Amino acid sequence: LMVAISDLIITCPCALGLAVPVVQVVAGGLLLRKGVLLKAADGLERLAQVDTVVFDKTGTLTRGRPELVSDGEWTEQDLEIASALAQHSSHPLSKAIAETASSTEASDVEEVPGQGLRGIVNGKEIRLGRWDWCGVEASQSGEMELWLKVGGRSPIRFTFSDQLRADAVRTISALQSRGLDVRILSGDRASVVGPLAEQLGVKDWKAECLPAEKVTELEALKSQGHRVVMVGDGLNDAPALSAGFVSISPASAADVSQTAADFIFQGEGLGPVVTVLRTAKAANRLVIQNFGLALAYNAVAVPLAVAGLVTPLIAAVAMSASSVTVTLNALRLRLMA
């Protein structure tokens, strides 16, 4: 009877059952203190397997607070009409125009992801968005821009200036030094994305991507055997975030993007992206170690218990010690990440 009791105690799979959850709890708490919210329970496990990082540009690599440039191409009346539409969008460029607080109201406003806005202002159909959305044949400008189409008038251009996030170059370099393939998928024109990619040291980039095209690119990478983490913030990025093997979004992102993301980070920098990846790798190593410790415990303790060499008291102490061991090992994550 004593041997049977010892066997039951010693074979309690506490250490094995704690191997993964305790690491996830420690990792989640650590990330939360560093301003990162872990939404998906298996997010860390998937993130530890990625080999490619894909960034959106506007609002992700850049600060996402573009400023409207007064270049003489538009009038105050044009700005007021554009603002009436822009107030219905969360896109960074639209927000920059909406800050002018137009007193004009727009009706029947519809936002088409990857294209722009359309609605009725003063009885006229108005469009605000990409150059082709507003009937412009081509735009080779190297500036960030939105076009306004008012009825039958010629399209009017608004240009903007935006800055890279302060640590963008450092973050990209850190990711590349870890052996990750870094790419950019942007809805902006090549004349805007190209110089930025060169500044960041990113060789693989694609411009003028519609939301569906971003998804297609991610699916193509997946078919090639890559495991991709998508980092984006806009309404247009939501499908791509869902298509990624893992997804990360800033706290400033549109609600739909935050809903689709596995991780959400706060702050003005991109450093949390590196932090999350480093934490995921470290957590994965600790999970493997915990499984090893749990199996080693069972390999040694179970035969001893079956042979009648372990009393119930010693079995209880050994079982508790194994659980404490994997827990303490998981706490090492605070030093590793």
Protein backbone atom coordinates (compact mmCIF):
# COMPACT_ATOMS: atom_id res chain seq x y z
CA LEU A 1 0.00 0.00 0.00
CA MET A 2 2.81 2.41 0.88
CA VAL A 3 4.49 1.69 -2.45
CA ALA A 4 1.23 2.34 -4.31
CA ILE A 5 0.73 5.64 -2.49
CA SER A 6 4.31 6.67 -3.25
CA ASP A 7 3.79 5.76 -6.91
CA LEU A 8 0.64 7.89 -7.12
CA ILE A 9 2.36 10.88 -5.54
CA ILE A 10 5.60 10.62 -7.48
CA THR A 11 3.82 10.27 -10.85
CA CYS A 12 1.68 13.38 -10.37
CA PRO A 13 2.42 15.30 -13.61
CA CYS A 14 2.65 18.71 -11.93
CA ALA A 15 6.06 19.61 -13.37
CA LEU A 16 5.02 18.49 -16.83
CA GLY A 17 1.75 20.40 -16.59
CA LEU A 18 3.53 23.57 -15.44
CA ALA A 19 6.30 23.42 -18.06
CA VAL A 20 4.52 25.65 -20.59
CA PRO A 21 1.92 27.70 -18.63
CA VAL A 22 4.37 29.03 -16.06
CA VAL A 23 6.68 30.31 -18.81
CA GLN A 24 3.76 31.96 -20.60
CA VAL A 25 2.63 33.68 -17.41
CA VAL A 26 6.12 34.98 -16.65
CA ALA A 27 6.62 36.09 -20.27
CA GLY A 28 3.23 37.80 -20.40
CA GLY A 29 3.93 39.69 -17.19
CA LEU A 30 7.40 40.68 -18.37
CA LEU A 31 6.08 41.98 -21.69
CA LEU A 32 3.27 43.88 -19.99
CA ARG A 33 5.79 45.71 -17.80
CA LYS A 34 7.64 46.64 -20.98
CA GLY A 35 4.51 48.02 -22.61
CA VAL A 36 3.52 45.02 -24.74
CA LEU A 37 0.16 43.29 -24.46
CA LEU A 38 0.12 39.58 -25.34
CA LYS A 39 -3.32 38.80 -26.80
CA ALA A 40 -2.90 35.31 -28.25
CA ALA A 41 -2.12 32.46 -25.86
CA ASP A 42 0.08 30.74 -28.45
CA GLY A 43 1.58 33.98 -29.75
CA LEU A 44 4.99 33.48 -28.13
CA GLU A 45 5.24 29.92 -29.41
CA ARG A 46 4.53 31.03 -32.98
CA LEU A 47 6.75 34.11 -32.73
CA ALA A 48 9.73 31.98 -31.75
CA GLN A 49 9.50 30.26 -35.15
CA VAL A 50 9.46 33.31 -37.45
CA ASP A 51 12.21 33.99 -39.98
CA THR A 52 10.77 37.05 -41.76
CA VAL A 53 9.52 40.42 -40.53
CA VAL A 54 7.28 42.54 -42.79
CA PHE A 55 6.60 46.18 -41.93
CA ASP A 56 3.98 48.60 -43.12
CA LYS A 57 5.38 52.12 -43.62
CA THR A 58 3.03 54.94 -42.61
CA GLY A 59 2.32 54.89 -38.88
CA THR A 60 4.57 51.88 -38.31
CA LEU A 61 8.05 52.73 -39.53
CA THR A 62 7.16 56.41 -39.46
CA ARG A 63 5.74 58.29 -36.49
CA GLY A 64 2.30 58.33 -38.06
CA ARG A 65 1.79 62.03 -37.40
CA PRO A 66 2.32 63.62 -40.82
CA GLU A 67 2.06 67.37 -41.15
CA LEU A 68 0.28 69.10 -44.02
CA VAL A 69 2.65 71.16 -46.15
CA SER A 70 1.49 74.58 -47.36
CA ASP A 71 2.82 74.42 -50.91
CA GLY A 72 0.31 76.68 -52.65
CA GLU A 73 -1.35 73.86 -54.59
CA TRP A 74 -4.60 74.11 -52.62
CA THR A 75 -6.85 76.81 -51.19
CA GLU A 76 -8.54 77.11 -47.81
CA GLN A 77 -11.82 76.12 -49.47
CA ASP A 78 -10.18 72.97 -50.85
CA LEU A 79 -8.86 72.17 -47.39
CA GLU A 80 -12.28 72.63 -45.80
CA ILE A 81 -13.90 70.25 -48.29
CA ALA A 82 -11.13 67.68 -47.81
CA SER A 83 -11.41 67.97 -44.03
CA ALA A 84 -15.14 67.22 -44.19
CA LEU A 85 -14.28 63.81 -45.66
CA ALA A 86 -11.06 63.23 -43.72
CA GLN A 87 -12.86 63.38 -40.38
CA HIS A 88 -14.40 60.00 -41.23
CA SER A 89 -11.05 58.20 -41.50
CA SER A 90 -8.37 57.07 -39.05
CA HIS A 91 -5.61 57.09 -41.67
CA PRO A 92 -2.66 59.28 -40.55
CA LEU A 93 -2.84 61.49 -43.64
CA SER A 94 -6.57 61.96 -43.19
CA LYS A 95 -6.02 62.86 -39.55
CA ALA A 96 -3.53 65.55 -40.57
CA ILE A 97 -6.20 67.16 -42.76
CA ALA A 98 -9.00 66.59 -40.25
CA GLU A 99 -7.09 68.61 -37.65
CA THR A 100 -8.09 71.75 -39.54
CA ALA A 101 -11.57 71.21 -38.03
CA SER A 102 -13.80 71.94 -41.01
CA SER A 103 -17.24 73.43 -40.41
CA THR A 104 -18.45 71.80 -43.63
CA GLU A 105 -20.28 68.49 -43.31
CA ALA A 106 -20.12 65.50 -45.62
CA SER A 107 -22.83 62.90 -46.13
CA ASP A 108 -22.90 59.33 -47.48
CA VAL A 109 -19.21 58.97 -46.66
CA GLU A 110 -17.60 55.63 -47.52
CA GLU A 111 -14.02 54.57 -46.92
CA VAL A 112 -12.58 52.10 -49.41
CA PRO A 113 -9.53 50.34 -47.91
CA GLY A 114 -6.38 50.98 -49.90
CA GLN A 115 -8.03 53.67 -52.03
CA GLY A 116 -9.58 56.53 -50.06
CA LEU A 117 -12.84 58.22 -49.15
CA ARG A 118 -15.85 59.34 -51.11
CA GLY A 119 -18.93 61.25 -50.09
CA ILE A 120 -21.21 64.18 -50.82
CA VAL A 121 -20.24 67.75 -49.87
CA ASN A 122 -22.43 70.70 -50.85
CA GLY A 123 -24.30 68.44 -53.26
CA LYS A 124 -21.16 67.33 -55.12
CA GLU A 125 -19.45 63.97 -55.15
CA ILE A 126 -16.05 64.28 -53.50
CA ARG A 127 -13.14 61.85 -53.44
CA LEU A 128 -10.04 61.99 -51.25
CA GLY A 129 -7.26 59.44 -51.47
CA ARG A 130 -4.77 57.84 -53.87
CA TRP A 131 -3.88 59.48 -57.15
CA ASP A 132 -5.60 56.81 -59.25
CA TRP A 133 -8.67 56.91 -56.96
CA CYS A 134 -9.04 60.58 -57.85
CA GLY A 135 -8.50 60.23 -61.59
CA VAL A 136 -4.85 61.25 -61.79
CA GLU A 137 -3.03 59.37 -64.54
CA ALA A 138 0.28 59.06 -62.69
CA SER A 139 2.21 60.62 -59.82
CA GLN A 140 5.99 60.37 -59.59
CA SER A 141 6.33 62.70 -56.63
CA GLY A 142 8.70 61.63 -53.88
CA GLU A 143 6.44 63.16 -51.26
CA MET A 144 3.58 61.72 -49.24
CA GLU A 145 0.36 62.94 -50.80
CA LEU A 146 -3.42 62.78 -50.95
CA TRP A 147 -5.54 63.88 -53.87
CA LEU A 148 -8.88 65.65 -53.75
CA LYS A 149 -11.41 65.31 -56.56
CA VAL A 150 -14.34 67.76 -56.47
CA GLY A 151 -16.98 67.09 -59.12
CA GLY A 152 -15.60 67.81 -62.57
CA ARG A 153 -12.67 69.94 -61.37
CA SER A 154 -9.07 68.92 -61.86
CA PRO A 155 -7.70 66.91 -58.91
CA ILE A 156 -5.97 68.88 -56.17
CA ARG A 157 -2.88 67.60 -54.36
CA PHE A 158 -2.09 67.80 -50.65
CA THR A 159 1.48 66.95 -49.62
CA PHE A 160 2.74 65.91 -46.19
CA SER A 161 5.95 65.47 -44.26
CA ASP A 162 6.49 62.64 -41.79
CA GLN A 163 9.47 61.41 -39.81
CA LEU A 164 10.82 57.95 -39.18
CA ARG A 165 10.39 56.66 -35.66
CA ALA A 166 13.48 57.61 -33.68
CA ASP A 167 14.73 54.04 -33.31
CA ALA A 168 13.59 52.68 -36.68
CA VAL A 169 17.09 52.30 -38.13
CA ARG A 170 18.39 50.70 -34.94
CA THR A 171 15.42 48.32 -34.76
CA ILE A 172 15.77 47.15 -38.36
CA SER A 173 19.50 46.62 -37.85
CA ALA A 174 18.85 44.62 -34.66
CA LEU A 175 16.34 42.38 -36.45
CA GLN A 176 18.71 41.78 -39.36
CA SER A 177 21.57 40.98 -36.97
CA ARG A 178 19.38 38.22 -35.51
CA GLY A 179 19.23 36.61 -38.95
CA LEU A 180 15.72 37.78 -39.80
CA ASP A 181 14.69 38.79 -43.31
CA VAL A 182 13.17 42.29 -43.05
CA ARG A 183 10.80 43.60 -45.75
CA ILE A 184 8.45 46.52 -46.35
CA LEU A 185 4.97 46.38 -47.90
CA SER A 186 3.43 49.81 -48.35
CA GLY A 187 0.51 51.40 -50.10
CA ASP A 188 2.64 54.45 -50.85
CA ARG A 189 4.33 55.10 -54.17
CA ALA A 190 7.74 53.67 -55.04
CA SER A 191 9.23 57.18 -55.13
CA VAL A 192 8.40 57.48 -51.42
CA VAL A 193 9.05 53.94 -50.21
CA GLY A 194 12.34 53.42 -52.09
CA PRO A 195 14.38 56.18 -50.38
CA LEU A 196 12.98 55.20 -46.98
CA ALA A 197 13.89 51.53 -47.51
CA GLU A 198 17.40 52.56 -48.53
CA GLN A 199 17.73 54.71 -45.42
CA LEU A 200 16.70 51.74 -43.27
CA GLY A 201 18.90 49.26 -45.10
CA VAL A 202 15.97 47.16 -46.32
CA LYS A 203 16.54 45.59 -49.73
CA ASP A 204 13.20 43.83 -50.22
CA TRP A 205 10.28 46.24 -50.46
CA LYS A 206 7.13 46.71 -52.49
CA ALA A 207 5.13 49.89 -53.01
CA GLU A 208 1.56 50.73 -54.06
CA CYS A 209 0.20 47.59 -52.39
CA LEU A 210 -3.54 47.35 -51.96
CA PRO A 211 -4.75 45.40 -48.89
CA ALA A 212 -5.45 42.30 -50.99
CA GLU A 213 -1.98 42.53 -52.56
CA LYS A 214 -0.36 42.58 -49.12
CA VAL A 215 -2.21 39.39 -48.28
CA THR A 216 -1.08 37.86 -51.58
CA GLU A 217 2.54 38.73 -50.80
CA LEU A 218 2.29 37.14 -47.36
CA GLU A 219 0.66 34.03 -48.80
CA ALA A 220 3.49 33.80 -51.34
CA LEU A 221 6.08 33.96 -48.56
CA LYS A 222 4.14 31.30 -46.67
CA SER A 223 4.11 29.01 -49.71
CA GLN A 224 7.91 29.39 -49.88
CA GLY A 225 8.19 28.04 -46.36
CA HIS A 226 8.66 31.35 -44.56
CA ARG A 227 7.00 32.16 -41.25
CA VAL A 228 6.20 35.84 -41.26
CA VAL A 229 5.48 38.33 -38.52
CA MET A 230 3.48 41.27 -39.89
CA VAL A 231 3.85 44.66 -38.20
CA GLY A 232 1.21 47.22 -39.20
CA ASP A 233 -1.21 49.78 -37.86
CA GLY A 234 -3.74 50.98 -40.40
CA LEU A 235 -7.23 49.94 -41.44
CA ASN A 236 -5.62 48.71 -44.67
CA ASP A 237 -3.27 46.43 -42.71
CA ALA A 238 -5.96 44.40 -40.92
CA PRO A 239 -6.20 41.69 -43.63
CA ALA A 240 -2.40 41.40 -43.75
CA LEU A 241 -2.18 41.18 -39.96
CA SER A 242 -4.68 38.32 -40.05
CA ALA A 243 -2.74 36.62 -42.85
CA GLY A 244 0.60 36.73 -41.06
CA PHE A 245 1.91 33.76 -39.08
CA VAL A 246 2.11 36.24 -36.19
CA SER A 247 1.11 39.92 -36.08
CA ILE A 248 2.17 42.95 -34.07
CA SER A 249 0.48 46.35 -33.95
CA PRO A 250 1.18 49.64 -32.13
CA ALA A 251 -1.32 50.95 -29.59
CA SER A 252 -1.96 53.88 -31.94
CA ALA A 253 -3.31 51.50 -34.60
CA ALA A 254 -6.87 51.42 -35.87
CA ASP A 255 -9.22 49.32 -33.73
CA VAL A 256 -9.64 46.68 -36.43
CA SER A 257 -5.85 46.26 -36.66
CA GLN A 258 -5.52 45.91 -32.90
CA THR A 259 -8.25 43.28 -32.98
CA ALA A 260 -6.37 41.30 -35.64
CA ALA A 261 -2.96 41.57 -33.93
CA ASP A 262 -1.44 38.98 -31.58
CA PHE A 263 0.66 41.61 -29.79
CA ILE A 264 0.06 45.32 -29.16
CA PHE A 265 2.90 47.60 -28.07
CA GLN A 266 2.89 51.08 -26.58
CA GLY A 267 5.34 53.94 -27.00
CA GLU A 268 6.86 56.01 -29.77
CA GLY A 269 9.59 53.54 -30.73
CA LEU A 270 9.84 50.20 -32.53
CA GLY A 271 12.08 48.71 -29.85
CA PRO A 272 9.23 46.58 -28.45
CA VAL A 273 9.26 44.54 -31.69
CA VAL A 274 12.80 43.40 -30.89
CA THR A 275 11.86 42.89 -27.23
CA VAL A 276 8.94 40.64 -28.14
CA LEU A 277 11.04 38.54 -30.51
CA ARG A 278 13.85 38.20 -27.98
CA THR A 279 11.39 37.25 -25.24
CA ALA A 280 9.70 34.67 -27.47
CA LYS A 281 13.02 32.99 -28.30
CA ALA A 282 14.06 32.94 -24.64
CA ALA A 283 10.65 31.62 -23.55
CA ASN A 284 10.85 28.83 -26.12
CA ARG A 285 14.25 27.75 -24.78
CA LEU A 286 12.90 27.69 -21.22
CA VAL A 287 9.87 25.62 -22.25
CA ILE A 288 12.20 23.02 -23.77
CA GLN A 289 14.34 23.06 -20.62
CA ASN A 290 11.26 22.64 -18.43
CA PHE A 291 10.13 19.63 -20.42
CA GLY A 292 13.63 18.20 -20.04
CA LEU A 293 13.61 18.76 -16.27
CA ALA A 294 10.14 17.21 -15.91
CA LEU A 295 11.09 14.15 -17.97
CA ALA A 296 14.37 13.76 -16.08
CA TYR A 297 12.48 13.86 -12.78
CA ASN A 298 10.09 11.14 -13.95
CA ALA A 299 12.90 9.04 -15.40
CA VAL A 300 14.68 8.98 -12.03
CA ALA A 301 11.87 9.14 -9.48
CA VAL A 302 9.33 6.71 -10.96
CA PRO A 303 11.65 3.64 -11.05
CA LEU A 304 12.72 4.37 -7.47
CA ALA A 305 9.09 4.60 -6.34
CA VAL A 306 8.13 1.39 -8.15
CA ALA A 307 11.07 -0.38 -6.51
CA GLY A 308 9.74 0.65 -3.09
CA LEU A 309 12.75 2.84 -2.31
CA VAL A 310 10.69 6.02 -1.79
CA THR A 311 8.35 6.71 1.12
CA PRO A 312 5.17 8.79 0.62
CA LEU A 313 6.81 11.71 2.45
CA ILE A 314 9.87 11.69 0.22
CA ALA A 315 7.61 11.29 -2.83
CA ALA A 316 5.61 14.37 -1.81
CA VAL A 317 8.78 16.40 -1.30
CA ALA A 318 10.22 15.24 -4.64
CA MET A 319 7.01 16.00 -6.51
CA SER A 320 6.83 19.49 -4.97
CA ALA A 321 10.51 20.08 -5.67
CA SER A 322 10.03 19.26 -9.35
CA SER A 323 7.22 21.81 -9.60
CA VAL A 324 9.29 24.45 -7.82
CA THR A 325 12.25 23.69 -10.10
CA VAL A 326 10.37 24.34 -13.35
CA THR A 327 8.82 27.48 -11.83
CA LEU A 328 12.21 28.86 -10.78
CA ASN A 329 13.60 27.99 -14.20
CA ALA A 330 10.76 29.95 -15.82
CA LEU A 331 11.57 32.96 -13.64
CA ARG A 332 15.01 33.05 -15.26
CA LEU A 333 13.24 34.63 -18.21
CA ARG A 334 13.44 37.95 -16.38
CA LEU A 335 17.21 37.76 -16.67
CA MET A 336 17.34 36.37 -20.21
CA ALA A 337 14.88 38.68 -22.01
